[in-house]
Amino acid sequence: MAHSNTRPTSRDVAQAAGVSQAAVSLVLGDKWHGRVSAPTAQRVRDAARDLGYRPNLAARNLRLGHTRTVLVVVPALTTEFFAGVYTGAARIAAQHGFGVVLYPSPEGVGPARDPFASAQAALDGVIASSMAADALTTIRGDQLPLVMLDSDPQGSLGAATVNLDIADGVRQVAEHLLGLGHRRFLHLAADVPSWTFEVRAHELATRVATVPGTDVRTIHAPLTFEAARAATEAALTAPGPHPTALVCDDDKLAAGAYKALRRRGLHVPTDISVTGLDDLALATAIDPELTTVRLDAELFGERGMQALLAVLDGRQPDRSDIPVHLVVRGSTAPPRPH
């Protein structure tokens, strides 16, 4: 049923009439002949009338021009990861006659300004990264068919979630480092309140704890080179035994950590091993090249768009996580014998 405080949506009409949203738009766009039975069409019209649903004219005109539009909400465009997500989503969208509008949530987290006077007017659905979830309420994107990327499958807004198997990626990192003989870990965690980063911290702690005599210390930094450098430098000047492995939540943090290590006169990997997560172009630009986890951003975007198409068609989207792979390079080695 429609919430009393929001305009009834085509999803509400579809639920009331027991049909897919696609069928509702065919009937109300008067394109149903030969595709939906007459009694079903009547049922849709009755449901729309009873709910007081009126298709938005701007949206109708847009659809009659055969462009349907999806909003992709991401934290920022400064990372090549989200550029890949967009590329993958746009590729699948184009194959199905959808256009894609990209909406960066300016600060990366937190509410963002409404990009359209009435976002719902012209939008058919939304794909959003959990790091930008707060922006959805501002643009009322949570009232449209919604697919969440990188988001808790148990407690997310939206009709479906699509995830990379981040937990497995972190397990691969931990097993690689434990296998090399590392026991003292420093976790350089992203200071971003997001499910995907909680998963990394939990998985690393859990996996390392299965081996006796290990220790994980965690420090937090915002996702910038400078913040990562400062946090790493502070951690290395703290008293107590030094870590032999530095596990970073993402490649950008690892690059900042490299700067701190160089300033302290430490060598990677002889003095300390370093790992990242993402496999951005940056990972092979730094020296030594970074051991990291490859995430297929374009596939992620493709799967996000495929899930949204399924939701719009009233089908169950694919629920399986996208596999990720550890790429071992020159930044990891066995720890020095004491």
C-alpha atoms as a PDB file:
ATOM      1  CA  MET A   1       0.000   0.000   0.000  1.00  0.00           C
ATOM      2  CA  ALA A   2       1.072   3.608  -0.510  1.00  0.00           C
ATOM      3  CA  HIS A   3       2.323   5.436   2.551  1.00  0.00           C
ATOM      4  CA  SER A   4      -0.111   8.175   3.475  1.00  0.00           C
ATOM      5  CA  ASN A   5       2.583  10.823   3.279  1.00  0.00           C
ATOM      6  CA  THR A   6       3.875   9.949  -0.197  1.00  0.00           C
ATOM      7  CA  ARG A   7       2.348   9.936  -3.623  1.00  0.00           C
ATOM      8  CA  PRO A   8       1.232   6.436  -4.648  1.00  0.00           C
ATOM      9  CA  THR A   9       3.812   4.898  -6.990  1.00  0.00           C
ATOM     10  CA  SER A  10       3.470   2.502  -9.906  1.00  0.00           C
ATOM     11  CA  ARG A  11       4.861  -0.138  -7.546  1.00  0.00           C
ATOM     12  CA  ASP A  12       1.815   0.365  -5.274  1.00  0.00           C
ATOM     13  CA  VAL A  13      -0.505   0.006  -8.274  1.00  0.00           C
ATOM     14  CA  ALA A  14       1.368  -3.139  -9.382  1.00  0.00           C
ATOM     15  CA  GLN A  15       1.014  -4.677  -5.895  1.00  0.00           C
ATOM     16  CA  ALA A  16      -2.691  -3.804  -5.671  1.00  0.00           C
ATOM     17  CA  ALA A  17      -3.415  -5.247  -9.136  1.00  0.00           C
ATOM     18  CA  GLY A  18      -1.113  -8.242  -8.653  1.00  0.00           C
ATOM     19  CA  VAL A  19       0.973  -7.469 -11.740  1.00  0.00           C
ATOM     20  CA  SER A  20       4.527  -6.302 -12.506  1.00  0.00           C
ATOM     21  CA  GLN A  21       5.472  -2.631 -12.659  1.00  0.00           C
ATOM     22  CA  ALA A  22       6.210  -3.173 -16.338  1.00  0.00           C
ATOM     23  CA  ALA A  23       2.562  -4.193 -16.873  1.00  0.00           C
ATOM     24  CA  VAL A  24       1.364  -1.053 -15.049  1.00  0.00           C
ATOM     25  CA  SER A  25       3.407   1.217 -17.316  1.00  0.00           C
ATOM     26  CA  LEU A  26       2.176  -0.632 -20.434  1.00  0.00           C
ATOM     27  CA  VAL A  27      -1.457  -0.232 -19.401  1.00  0.00           C
ATOM     28  CA  LEU A  28      -1.236   3.377 -18.227  1.00  0.00           C
ATOM     29  CA  GLY A  29       0.914   4.274 -21.254  1.00  0.00           C
ATOM     30  CA  ASP A  30      -1.788   2.650 -23.433  1.00  0.00           C
ATOM     31  CA  LYS A  31       0.672   0.202 -24.980  1.00  0.00           C
ATOM     32  CA  TRP A  32      -0.858  -2.937 -23.499  1.00  0.00           C
ATOM     33  CA  HIS A  33      -2.836  -4.234 -26.514  1.00  0.00           C
ATOM     34  CA  GLY A  34      -1.614  -7.697 -27.396  1.00  0.00           C
ATOM     35  CA  ARG A  35       0.765  -7.744 -24.419  1.00  0.00           C
ATOM     36  CA  VAL A  36      -1.578  -7.738 -21.413  1.00  0.00           C
ATOM     37  CA  SER A  37      -5.088  -9.245 -21.317  1.00  0.00           C
ATOM     38  CA  ALA A  38      -8.084  -6.888 -21.275  1.00  0.00           C
ATOM     39  CA  PRO A  39      -9.270  -8.025 -17.783  1.00  0.00           C
ATOM     40  CA  THR A  40      -5.739  -7.451 -16.415  1.00  0.00           C
ATOM     41  CA  ALA A  41      -5.619  -3.994 -18.010  1.00  0.00           C
ATOM     42  CA  GLN A  42      -8.950  -3.170 -16.383  1.00  0.00           C
ATOM     43  CA  ARG A  43      -7.645  -4.391 -13.029  1.00  0.00           C
ATOM     44  CA  VAL A  44      -4.632  -2.076 -13.345  1.00  0.00           C
ATOM     45  CA  ARG A  45      -6.837   0.919 -14.241  1.00  0.00           C
ATOM     46  CA  ASP A  46      -9.151   0.178 -11.299  1.00  0.00           C
ATOM     47  CA  ALA A  47      -6.199  -0.129  -8.905  1.00  0.00           C
ATOM     48  CA  ALA A  48      -4.718   3.155 -10.173  1.00  0.00           C
ATOM     49  CA  ARG A  49      -8.092   4.891  -9.710  1.00  0.00           C
ATOM     50  CA  ASP A  50      -8.658   3.450  -6.208  1.00  0.00           C
ATOM     51  CA  LEU A  51      -5.162   4.488  -5.077  1.00  0.00           C
ATOM     52  CA  GLY A  52      -5.399   7.921  -6.683  1.00  0.00           C
ATOM     53  CA  TYR A  53      -2.297   7.169  -8.773  1.00  0.00           C
ATOM     54  CA  ARG A  54      -1.565   9.551 -11.641  1.00  0.00           C
ATOM     55  CA  PRO A  55       1.442   8.845 -13.822  1.00  0.00           C
ATOM     56  CA  ASN A  56       3.662  11.903 -13.861  1.00  0.00           C
ATOM     57  CA  LEU A  57       3.362  13.611 -17.249  1.00  0.00           C
ATOM     58  CA  ALA A  58       7.020  14.555 -17.506  1.00  0.00           C
ATOM     59  CA  ALA A  59       7.928  10.944 -16.873  1.00  0.00           C
ATOM     60  CA  ARG A  60       5.274   9.730 -19.348  1.00  0.00           C
ATOM     61  CA  ASN A  61       6.556  12.000 -22.102  1.00  0.00           C
ATOM     62  CA  LEU A  62      10.051  10.844 -21.429  1.00  0.00           C
ATOM     63  CA  ARG A  63       8.995   7.230 -21.744  1.00  0.00           C
ATOM     64  CA  LEU A  64       7.000   7.851 -24.883  1.00  0.00           C
ATOM     65  CA  GLY A  65      10.268   9.175 -26.296  1.00  0.00           C
ATOM     66  CA  HIS A  66      11.561   5.679 -25.368  1.00  0.00           C
ATOM     67  CA  THR A  67      14.214   6.834 -22.938  1.00  0.00           C
ATOM     68  CA  ARG A  68      13.819   5.504 -19.464  1.00  0.00           C
ATOM     69  CA  THR A  69      16.212   6.808 -16.889  1.00  0.00           C
ATOM     70  CA  VAL A  70      18.142   5.314 -14.010  1.00  0.00           C
ATOM     71  CA  LEU A  71      19.919   7.378 -11.386  1.00  0.00           C
ATOM     72  CA  VAL A  72      23.275   6.002 -10.210  1.00  0.00           C
ATOM     73  CA  VAL A  73      24.205   7.496  -6.827  1.00  0.00           C
ATOM     74  CA  VAL A  74      27.877   7.153  -5.862  1.00  0.00           C
ATOM     75  CA  PRO A  75      30.004   8.721  -3.108  1.00  0.00           C
ATOM     76  CA  ALA A  76      32.344  10.595  -5.455  1.00  0.00           C
ATOM     77  CA  LEU A  77      33.648  10.572  -8.983  1.00  0.00           C
ATOM     78  CA  THR A  78      37.251  10.952  -7.942  1.00  0.00           C
ATOM     79  CA  THR A  79      37.813   7.222  -7.736  1.00  0.00           C
ATOM     80  CA  GLU A  80      38.287   5.100 -10.774  1.00  0.00           C
ATOM     81  CA  PHE A  81      36.362   2.342  -8.944  1.00  0.00           C
ATOM     82  CA  PHE A  82      33.047   4.213  -9.221  1.00  0.00           C
ATOM     83  CA  ALA A  83      33.891   5.234 -12.778  1.00  0.00           C
ATOM     84  CA  GLY A  84      34.032   1.490 -13.512  1.00  0.00           C
ATOM     85  CA  VAL A  85      30.728   0.876 -11.722  1.00  0.00           C
ATOM     86  CA  TYR A  86      29.135   3.596 -13.862  1.00  0.00           C
ATOM     87  CA  THR A  87      30.634   2.202 -17.091  1.00  0.00           C
ATOM     88  CA  GLY A  88      29.255  -1.284 -16.365  1.00  0.00           C
ATOM     89  CA  ALA A  89      25.810   0.021 -15.379  1.00  0.00           C
ATOM     90  CA  ALA A  90      25.599   2.273 -18.456  1.00  0.00           C
ATOM     91  CA  ARG A  91      26.571  -0.603 -20.778  1.00  0.00           C
ATOM     92  CA  ILE A  92      23.679  -2.798 -19.597  1.00  0.00           C
ATOM     93  CA  ALA A  93      21.318   0.200 -19.436  1.00  0.00           C
ATOM     94  CA  ALA A  94      22.032   1.084 -23.074  1.00  0.00           C
ATOM     95  CA  GLN A  95      21.251  -2.481 -24.177  1.00  0.00           C
ATOM     96  CA  HIS A  96      17.793  -2.100 -22.617  1.00  0.00           C
ATOM     97  CA  GLY A  97      16.995   1.417 -23.800  1.00  0.00           C
ATOM     98  CA  PHE A  98      17.721   3.134 -20.488  1.00  0.00           C
ATOM     99  CA  GLY A  99      19.704   6.296 -19.985  1.00  0.00           C
ATOM    100  CA  VAL A 100      21.866   6.754 -16.885  1.00  0.00           C
ATOM    101  CA  VAL A 101      22.171   9.916 -14.825  1.00  0.00           C
ATOM    102  CA  LEU A 102      25.149   9.924 -12.493  1.00  0.00           C
ATOM    103  CA  TYR A 103      24.715  11.653  -9.158  1.00  0.00           C
ATOM    104  CA  PRO A 104      27.754  12.025  -6.916  1.00  0.00           C
ATOM    105  CA  SER A 105      26.943  12.654  -3.264  1.00  0.00           C
ATOM    106  CA  PRO A 106      29.412  15.548  -2.885  1.00  0.00           C
ATOM    107  CA  GLU A 107      31.026  14.775   0.451  1.00  0.00           C
ATOM    108  CA  GLY A 108      31.067  11.057  -0.191  1.00  0.00           C
ATOM    109  CA  VAL A 109      28.787  10.559   2.799  1.00  0.00           C
ATOM    110  CA  GLY A 110      25.875  12.546   4.180  1.00  0.00           C
ATOM    111  CA  PRO A 111      22.856  14.176   2.569  1.00  0.00           C
ATOM    112  CA  ALA A 112      23.264  15.793  -0.818  1.00  0.00           C
ATOM    113  CA  ARG A 113      21.287  18.434  -2.642  1.00  0.00           C
ATOM    114  CA  ASP A 114      18.407  17.316  -4.818  1.00  0.00           C
ATOM    115  CA  PRO A 115      19.786  17.174  -8.383  1.00  0.00           C
ATOM    116  CA  PHE A 116      16.331  17.686  -9.928  1.00  0.00           C
ATOM    117  CA  ALA A 117      13.456  19.802  -8.687  1.00  0.00           C
ATOM    118  CA  SER A 118      11.515  16.559  -8.434  1.00  0.00           C
ATOM    119  CA  ALA A 119      13.777  13.594  -8.904  1.00  0.00           C
ATOM    120  CA  GLN A 120      10.894  11.155  -9.179  1.00  0.00           C
ATOM    121  CA  ALA A 121       9.384  13.024 -12.104  1.00  0.00           C
ATOM    122  CA  ALA A 122      11.693  11.531 -14.656  1.00  0.00           C
ATOM    123  CA  LEU A 123      13.277   8.528 -12.960  1.00  0.00           C
ATOM    124  CA  ASP A 124      12.419   4.860 -13.311  1.00  0.00           C
ATOM    125  CA  GLY A 125      14.827   3.502 -10.723  1.00  0.00           C
ATOM    126  CA  VAL A 126      17.939   4.077  -8.635  1.00  0.00           C
ATOM    127  CA  ILE A 127      21.208   2.198  -8.128  1.00  0.00           C
ATOM    128  CA  ALA A 128      23.150   3.467  -5.113  1.00  0.00           C
ATOM    129  CA  SER A 129      26.357   2.688  -3.286  1.00  0.00           C
ATOM    130  CA  SER A 130      25.874   2.258   0.453  1.00  0.00           C
ATOM    131  CA  MET A 131      28.550   4.920   1.014  1.00  0.00           C
ATOM    132  CA  ALA A 132      26.118   7.408  -0.561  1.00  0.00           C
ATOM    133  CA  ALA A 133      22.936   6.051   1.046  1.00  0.00           C
ATOM    134  CA  ASP A 134      22.219   9.241   3.004  1.00  0.00           C
ATOM    135  CA  ALA A 135      21.785  11.127  -0.266  1.00  0.00           C
ATOM    136  CA  LEU A 136      18.826   8.913  -1.194  1.00  0.00           C
ATOM    137  CA  THR A 137      16.448  10.406   1.320  1.00  0.00           C
ATOM    138  CA  THR A 138      17.236  13.938   0.111  1.00  0.00           C
ATOM    139  CA  ILE A 139      16.355  13.059  -3.474  1.00  0.00           C
ATOM    140  CA  ARG A 140      13.528  10.733  -2.392  1.00  0.00           C
ATOM    141  CA  GLY A 141      15.380   7.982  -4.213  1.00  0.00           C
ATOM    142  CA  ASP A 142      14.266   5.593  -1.477  1.00  0.00           C
ATOM    143  CA  GLN A 143      10.711   5.838  -2.872  1.00  0.00           C
ATOM    144  CA  LEU A 144      11.718   4.525  -6.289  1.00  0.00           C
ATOM    145  CA  PRO A 145      12.666   0.966  -7.293  1.00  0.00           C
ATOM    146  CA  LEU A 146      16.092   0.799  -5.667  1.00  0.00           C
ATOM    147  CA  VAL A 147      19.110  -1.496  -5.834  1.00  0.00           C
ATOM    148  CA  MET A 148      21.858  -1.013  -3.235  1.00  0.00           C
ATOM    149  CA  LEU A 149      25.499  -1.814  -3.989  1.00  0.00           C
ATOM    150  CA  ASP A 150      28.008  -2.722  -1.278  1.00  0.00           C
ATOM    151  CA  SER A 151      25.318  -2.861   1.338  1.00  0.00           C
ATOM    152  CA  ASP A 152      24.117  -5.090   4.181  1.00  0.00           C
ATOM    153  CA  PRO A 153      21.818  -7.685   2.557  1.00  0.00           C
ATOM    154  CA  GLN A 154      19.923  -8.033   5.866  1.00  0.00           C
ATOM    155  CA  GLY A 155      19.182  -4.412   6.646  1.00  0.00           C
ATOM    156  CA  SER A 156      19.242  -2.331   3.481  1.00  0.00           C
ATOM    157  CA  LEU A 157      16.839   0.078   1.931  1.00  0.00           C
ATOM    158  CA  GLY A 158      15.606  -1.051  -1.418  1.00  0.00           C
ATOM    159  CA  ALA A 159      14.398  -4.084  -3.263  1.00  0.00           C
ATOM    160  CA  ALA A 160      17.744  -5.795  -3.749  1.00  0.00           C
ATOM    161  CA  THR A 161      21.420  -5.636  -2.828  1.00  0.00           C
ATOM    162  CA  VAL A 162      24.380  -6.521  -5.033  1.00  0.00           C
ATOM    163  CA  ASN A 163      27.706  -7.208  -3.341  1.00  0.00           C
ATOM    164  CA  LEU A 164      31.277  -8.094  -4.053  1.00  0.00           C
ATOM    165  CA  ASP A 165      32.548 -10.904  -1.826  1.00  0.00           C
ATOM    166  CA  ILE A 166      34.607  -8.464   0.259  1.00  0.00           C
ATOM    167  CA  ALA A 167      34.710 -10.845   3.231  1.00  0.00           C
ATOM    168  CA  ASP A 168      36.396 -13.474   1.066  1.00  0.00           C
ATOM    169  CA  GLY A 169      38.844 -10.846  -0.252  1.00  0.00           C
ATOM    170  CA  VAL A 170      39.902  -9.977   3.288  1.00  0.00           C
ATOM    171  CA  ARG A 171      40.177 -13.691   4.130  1.00  0.00           C
ATOM    172  CA  GLN A 172      42.515 -14.139   1.138  1.00  0.00           C
ATOM    173  CA  VAL A 173      44.689 -11.239   2.380  1.00  0.00           C
ATOM    174  CA  ALA A 174      44.800 -12.598   5.943  1.00  0.00           C
ATOM    175  CA  GLU A 175      45.654 -16.115   4.786  1.00  0.00           C
ATOM    176  CA  HIS A 176      48.405 -14.831   2.502  1.00  0.00           C
ATOM    177  CA  LEU A 177      50.017 -12.823   5.338  1.00  0.00           C
ATOM    178  CA  LEU A 178      49.556 -15.531   7.988  1.00  0.00           C
ATOM    179  CA  GLY A 179      51.050 -18.042   5.520  1.00  0.00           C
ATOM    180  CA  LEU A 180      54.127 -15.821   5.145  1.00  0.00           C
ATOM    181  CA  GLY A 181      54.527 -15.966   8.941  1.00  0.00           C
ATOM    182  CA  HIS A 182      53.107 -12.574   9.999  1.00  0.00           C
ATOM    183  CA  ARG A 183      51.617 -12.393  13.488  1.00  0.00           C
ATOM    184  CA  ARG A 184      51.554  -8.660  14.359  1.00  0.00           C
ATOM    185  CA  PHE A 185      49.118  -6.728  12.184  1.00  0.00           C
ATOM    186  CA  LEU A 186      48.259  -3.070  11.902  1.00  0.00           C
ATOM    187  CA  HIS A 187      44.870  -2.469  10.228  1.00  0.00           C
ATOM    188  CA  LEU A 188      44.626   0.929   8.520  1.00  0.00           C
ATOM    189  CA  ALA A 189      40.838   1.207   8.359  1.00  0.00           C
ATOM    190  CA  ALA A 190      38.792   3.694   6.329  1.00  0.00           C
ATOM    191  CA  ASP A 191      37.120   6.219   8.615  1.00  0.00           C
ATOM    192  CA  VAL A 192      33.806   5.928   6.759  1.00  0.00           C
ATOM    193  CA  PRO A 193      30.638   4.691   8.508  1.00  0.00           C
ATOM    194  CA  SER A 194      29.735   2.080   5.938  1.00  0.00           C
ATOM    195  CA  TRP A 195      28.822  -1.615   5.987  1.00  0.00           C
ATOM    196  CA  THR A 196      31.553  -2.520   3.501  1.00  0.00           C
ATOM    197  CA  PHE A 197      34.277  -1.241   5.852  1.00  0.00           C
ATOM    198  CA  GLU A 198      32.694  -2.933   8.891  1.00  0.00           C
ATOM    199  CA  VAL A 199      32.884  -6.231   6.983  1.00  0.00           C
ATOM    200  CA  ARG A 200      36.622  -5.723   6.354  1.00  0.00           C
ATOM    201  CA  ALA A 201      37.394  -5.057  10.027  1.00  0.00           C
ATOM    202  CA  HIS A 202      35.267  -7.961  11.280  1.00  0.00           C
ATOM    203  CA  GLU A 203      36.669 -10.436   8.781  1.00  0.00           C
ATOM    204  CA  LEU A 204      40.303  -9.506   9.417  1.00  0.00           C
ATOM    205  CA  ALA A 205      39.924  -9.758  13.212  1.00  0.00           C
ATOM    206  CA  THR A 206      38.036 -13.070  12.958  1.00  0.00           C
ATOM    207  CA  ARG A 207      40.473 -14.699  10.544  1.00  0.00           C
ATOM    208  CA  VAL A 208      43.645 -13.578  12.348  1.00  0.00           C
ATOM    209  CA  ALA A 209      42.209 -14.679  15.716  1.00  0.00           C
ATOM    210  CA  THR A 210      42.089 -18.303  14.518  1.00  0.00           C
ATOM    211  CA  VAL A 211      45.919 -18.381  14.732  1.00  0.00           C
ATOM    212  CA  PRO A 212      47.443 -18.307  18.224  1.00  0.00           C
ATOM    213  CA  GLY A 213      49.909 -15.570  19.176  1.00  0.00           C
ATOM    214  CA  THR A 214      48.545 -13.003  16.733  1.00  0.00           C
ATOM    215  CA  ASP A 215      47.637  -9.397  17.360  1.00  0.00           C
ATOM    216  CA  VAL A 216      45.669  -6.833  15.306  1.00  0.00           C
ATOM    217  CA  ARG A 217      45.854  -3.133  16.133  1.00  0.00           C
ATOM    218  CA  THR A 218      43.442  -0.830  14.279  1.00  0.00           C
ATOM    219  CA  ILE A 219      43.897   2.802  13.292  1.00  0.00           C
ATOM    220  CA  HIS A 220      41.395   4.872  11.308  1.00  0.00           C
ATOM    221  CA  ALA A 221      41.912   7.452   8.579  1.00  0.00           C
ATOM    222  CA  PRO A 222      39.659   9.239   6.087  1.00  0.00           C
ATOM    223  CA  LEU A 223      40.172   8.086   2.492  1.00  0.00           C
ATOM    224  CA  THR A 224      42.971  10.521   1.581  1.00  0.00           C
ATOM    225  CA  PHE A 225      46.715  10.032   1.082  1.00  0.00           C
ATOM    226  CA  GLU A 226      47.575  12.672   3.679  1.00  0.00           C
ATOM    227  CA  ALA A 227      45.276  11.251   6.380  1.00  0.00           C
ATOM    228  CA  ALA A 228      46.628   7.744   5.763  1.00  0.00           C
ATOM    229  CA  ARG A 229      50.214   9.009   6.002  1.00  0.00           C
ATOM    230  CA  ALA A 230      49.555  10.863   9.271  1.00  0.00           C
ATOM    231  CA  ALA A 231      47.677   7.955  10.888  1.00  0.00           C
ATOM    232  CA  THR A 232      50.381   5.465   9.905  1.00  0.00           C
ATOM    233  CA  GLU A 233      53.169   7.738  11.141  1.00  0.00           C
ATOM    234  CA  ALA A 234      51.413   8.201  14.497  1.00  0.00           C
ATOM    235  CA  ALA A 235      50.947   4.430  14.849  1.00  0.00           C
ATOM    236  CA  LEU A 236      54.607   3.712  14.082  1.00  0.00           C
ATOM    237  CA  THR A 237      55.859   6.166  16.705  1.00  0.00           C
ATOM    238  CA  ALA A 238      53.641   4.583  19.397  1.00  0.00           C
ATOM    239  CA  PRO A 239      55.424   2.450  22.017  1.00  0.00           C
ATOM    240  CA  GLY A 240      55.272  -1.347  21.901  1.00  0.00           C
ATOM    241  CA  PRO A 241      56.336  -3.960  19.343  1.00  0.00           C
ATOM    242  CA  HIS A 242      56.103  -2.858  15.726  1.00  0.00           C
ATOM    243  CA  PRO A 243      53.683  -4.553  13.330  1.00  0.00           C
ATOM    244  CA  THR A 244      55.207  -6.695  10.587  1.00  0.00           C
ATOM    245  CA  ALA A 245      52.201  -6.328   8.259  1.00  0.00           C
ATOM    246  CA  LEU A 246      50.032  -3.321   7.457  1.00  0.00           C
ATOM    247  CA  VAL A 247      46.573  -4.238   6.076  1.00  0.00           C
ATOM    248  CA  CYS A 248      44.880  -1.277   4.354  1.00  0.00           C
ATOM    249  CA  ASP A 249      41.153  -0.996   3.587  1.00  0.00           C
ATOM    250  CA  ASP A 250      41.923   0.361   0.151  1.00  0.00           C
ATOM    251  CA  ASP A 251      44.798   1.107  -2.226  1.00  0.00           C
ATOM    252  CA  LYS A 252      44.651   4.856  -1.636  1.00  0.00           C
ATOM    253  CA  LEU A 253      45.252   4.321   2.098  1.00  0.00           C
ATOM    254  CA  ALA A 254      48.148   1.993   1.247  1.00  0.00           C
ATOM    255  CA  ALA A 255      49.768   4.675  -0.941  1.00  0.00           C
ATOM    256  CA  GLY A 256      49.540   7.157   1.950  1.00  0.00           C
ATOM    257  CA  ALA A 257      51.028   4.559   4.297  1.00  0.00           C
ATOM    258  CA  TYR A 258      53.974   4.056   1.896  1.00  0.00           C
ATOM    259  CA  LYS A 259      54.836   7.746   2.398  1.00  0.00           C
ATOM    260  CA  ALA A 260      54.855   7.363   6.185  1.00  0.00           C
ATOM    261  CA  LEU A 261      57.044   4.257   5.996  1.00  0.00           C
ATOM    262  CA  ARG A 262      59.526   5.969   3.684  1.00  0.00           C
ATOM    263  CA  ARG A 263      59.736   8.963   6.051  1.00  0.00           C
ATOM    264  CA  ARG A 264      60.507   6.621   8.939  1.00  0.00           C
ATOM    265  CA  GLY A 265      63.258   4.956   6.880  1.00  0.00           C
ATOM    266  CA  LEU A 266      61.366   1.653   6.681  1.00  0.00           C
ATOM    267  CA  HIS A 267      61.450  -0.529   3.569  1.00  0.00           C
ATOM    268  CA  VAL A 268      58.519  -2.408   2.041  1.00  0.00           C
ATOM    269  CA  PRO A 269      58.445  -5.426   2.258  1.00  0.00           C
ATOM    270  CA  THR A 270      61.723  -6.137   4.143  1.00  0.00           C
ATOM    271  CA  ASP A 271      60.746  -4.127   7.251  1.00  0.00           C
ATOM    272  CA  ILE A 272      56.972  -4.306   6.851  1.00  0.00           C
ATOM    273  CA  SER A 273      54.561  -5.913   4.376  1.00  0.00           C
ATOM    274  CA  VAL A 274      51.658  -3.816   3.040  1.00  0.00           C
ATOM    275  CA  THR A 275      48.380  -4.877   1.389  1.00  0.00           C
ATOM    276  CA  GLY A 276      45.581  -2.878  -0.241  1.00  0.00           C
ATOM    277  CA  LEU A 277      42.107  -3.623  -1.560  1.00  0.00           C
ATOM    278  CA  ASP A 278      40.668  -2.511  -4.958  1.00  0.00           C
ATOM    279  CA  ASP A 279      43.506  -3.020  -7.452  1.00  0.00           C
ATOM    280  CA  LEU A 280      43.282   0.503  -8.809  1.00  0.00           C
ATOM    281  CA  ALA A 281      45.830   1.722 -11.399  1.00  0.00           C
ATOM    282  CA  LEU A 282      47.593   3.193  -8.365  1.00  0.00           C
ATOM    283  CA  ALA A 283      48.528  -0.302  -7.138  1.00  0.00           C
ATOM    284  CA  THR A 284      51.073  -0.797  -9.916  1.00  0.00           C
ATOM    285  CA  ALA A 285      52.153   2.875  -9.988  1.00  0.00           C
ATOM    286  CA  ILE A 286      53.714   2.728  -6.516  1.00  0.00           C
ATOM    287  CA  ASP A 287      56.979   0.990  -5.732  1.00  0.00           C
ATOM    288  CA  PRO A 288      57.115  -1.831  -4.799  1.00  0.00           C
ATOM    289  CA  GLU A 289      53.890  -2.750  -6.606  1.00  0.00           C
ATOM    290  CA  LEU A 290      51.058  -3.429  -4.176  1.00  0.00           C
ATOM    291  CA  THR A 291      49.647  -6.806  -3.166  1.00  0.00           C
ATOM    292  CA  THR A 292      45.907  -6.144  -3.234  1.00  0.00           C
ATOM    293  CA  VAL A 293      42.467  -7.598  -3.962  1.00  0.00           C
ATOM    294  CA  ARG A 294      41.074  -7.107  -7.455  1.00  0.00           C
ATOM    295  CA  LEU A 295      37.447  -5.971  -7.507  1.00  0.00           C
ATOM    296  CA  ASP A 296      35.704  -5.993 -10.885  1.00  0.00           C
ATOM    297  CA  ALA A 297      34.020  -2.568 -10.772  1.00  0.00           C
ATOM    298  CA  GLU A 298      32.472  -2.818 -14.236  1.00  0.00           C
ATOM    299  CA  LEU A 299      30.966  -6.230 -13.509  1.00  0.00           C
ATOM    300  CA  PHE A 300      29.662  -4.752 -10.248  1.00  0.00           C
ATOM    301  CA  GLY A 301      27.902  -1.969 -12.200  1.00  0.00           C
ATOM    302  CA  GLU A 302      26.565  -4.467 -14.748  1.00  0.00           C
ATOM    303  CA  ARG A 303      25.153  -6.690 -12.013  1.00  0.00           C
ATOM    304  CA  GLY A 304      23.615  -3.634 -10.302  1.00  0.00           C
ATOM    305  CA  MET A 305      21.786  -2.666 -13.487  1.00  0.00           C
ATOM    306  CA  GLN A 306      20.725  -6.267 -14.167  1.00  0.00           C
ATOM    307  CA  ALA A 307      19.290  -6.437 -10.636  1.00  0.00           C
ATOM    308  CA  LEU A 308      17.353  -3.196 -11.208  1.00  0.00           C
ATOM    309  CA  LEU A 309      15.954  -4.532 -14.502  1.00  0.00           C
ATOM    310  CA  ALA A 310      14.833  -7.653 -12.635  1.00  0.00           C
ATOM    311  CA  VAL A 311      13.132  -5.534  -9.947  1.00  0.00           C
ATOM    312  CA  LEU A 312      11.371  -3.428 -12.614  1.00  0.00           C
ATOM    313  CA  ASP A 313      10.181  -6.636 -14.296  1.00  0.00           C
ATOM    314  CA  GLY A 314       9.018  -8.164 -11.016  1.00  0.00           C
ATOM    315  CA  ARG A 315      11.700 -10.914 -11.224  1.00  0.00           C
ATOM    316  CA  GLN A 316      14.041 -12.089  -8.440  1.00  0.00           C
ATOM    317  CA  PRO A 317      17.531 -10.627  -8.996  1.00  0.00           C
ATOM    318  CA  ASP A 318      20.623 -12.834  -8.794  1.00  0.00           C
ATOM    319  CA  ARG A 319      21.616 -12.911  -5.104  1.00  0.00           C
ATOM    320  CA  SER A 320      25.119 -14.362  -5.412  1.00  0.00           C
ATOM    321  CA  ASP A 321      28.135 -12.255  -4.439  1.00  0.00           C
ATOM    322  CA  ILE A 322      30.692 -11.345  -7.104  1.00  0.00           C
ATOM    323  CA  PRO A 323      34.013 -13.193  -6.570  1.00  0.00           C
ATOM    324  CA  VAL A 324      37.181 -11.165  -5.884  1.00  0.00           C
ATOM    325  CA  HIS A 325      40.843 -12.201  -6.271  1.00  0.00           C
ATOM    326  CA  LEU A 326      44.045 -11.559  -4.356  1.00  0.00           C
ATOM    327  CA  VAL A 327      46.820 -10.260  -6.636  1.00  0.00           C
ATOM    328  CA  VAL A 328      50.225 -10.866  -5.036  1.00  0.00           C
ATOM    329  CA  ARG A 329      52.936  -8.366  -5.960  1.00  0.00           C
ATOM    330  CA  GLY A 330      56.130  -7.019  -4.413  1.00  0.00           C
ATOM    331  CA  SER A 331      54.789  -5.402  -1.221  1.00  0.00           C
ATOM    332  CA  THR A 332      54.485  -8.606   0.826  1.00  0.00           C
ATOM    333  CA  ALA A 333      57.192 -10.972   2.073  1.00  0.00           C
ATOM    334  CA  PRO A 334      57.932 -13.065   5.173  1.00  0.00           C
ATOM    335  CA  PRO A 335      58.685 -10.960   8.269  1.00  0.00           C
ATOM    336  CA  ARG A 336      62.318 -10.502   9.268  1.00  0.00           C
ATOM    337  CA  PRO A 337      63.426 -13.014  11.876  1.00  0.00           C
ATOM    338  CA  HIS A 338      63.916 -11.213  15.214  1.00  0.00           C
END
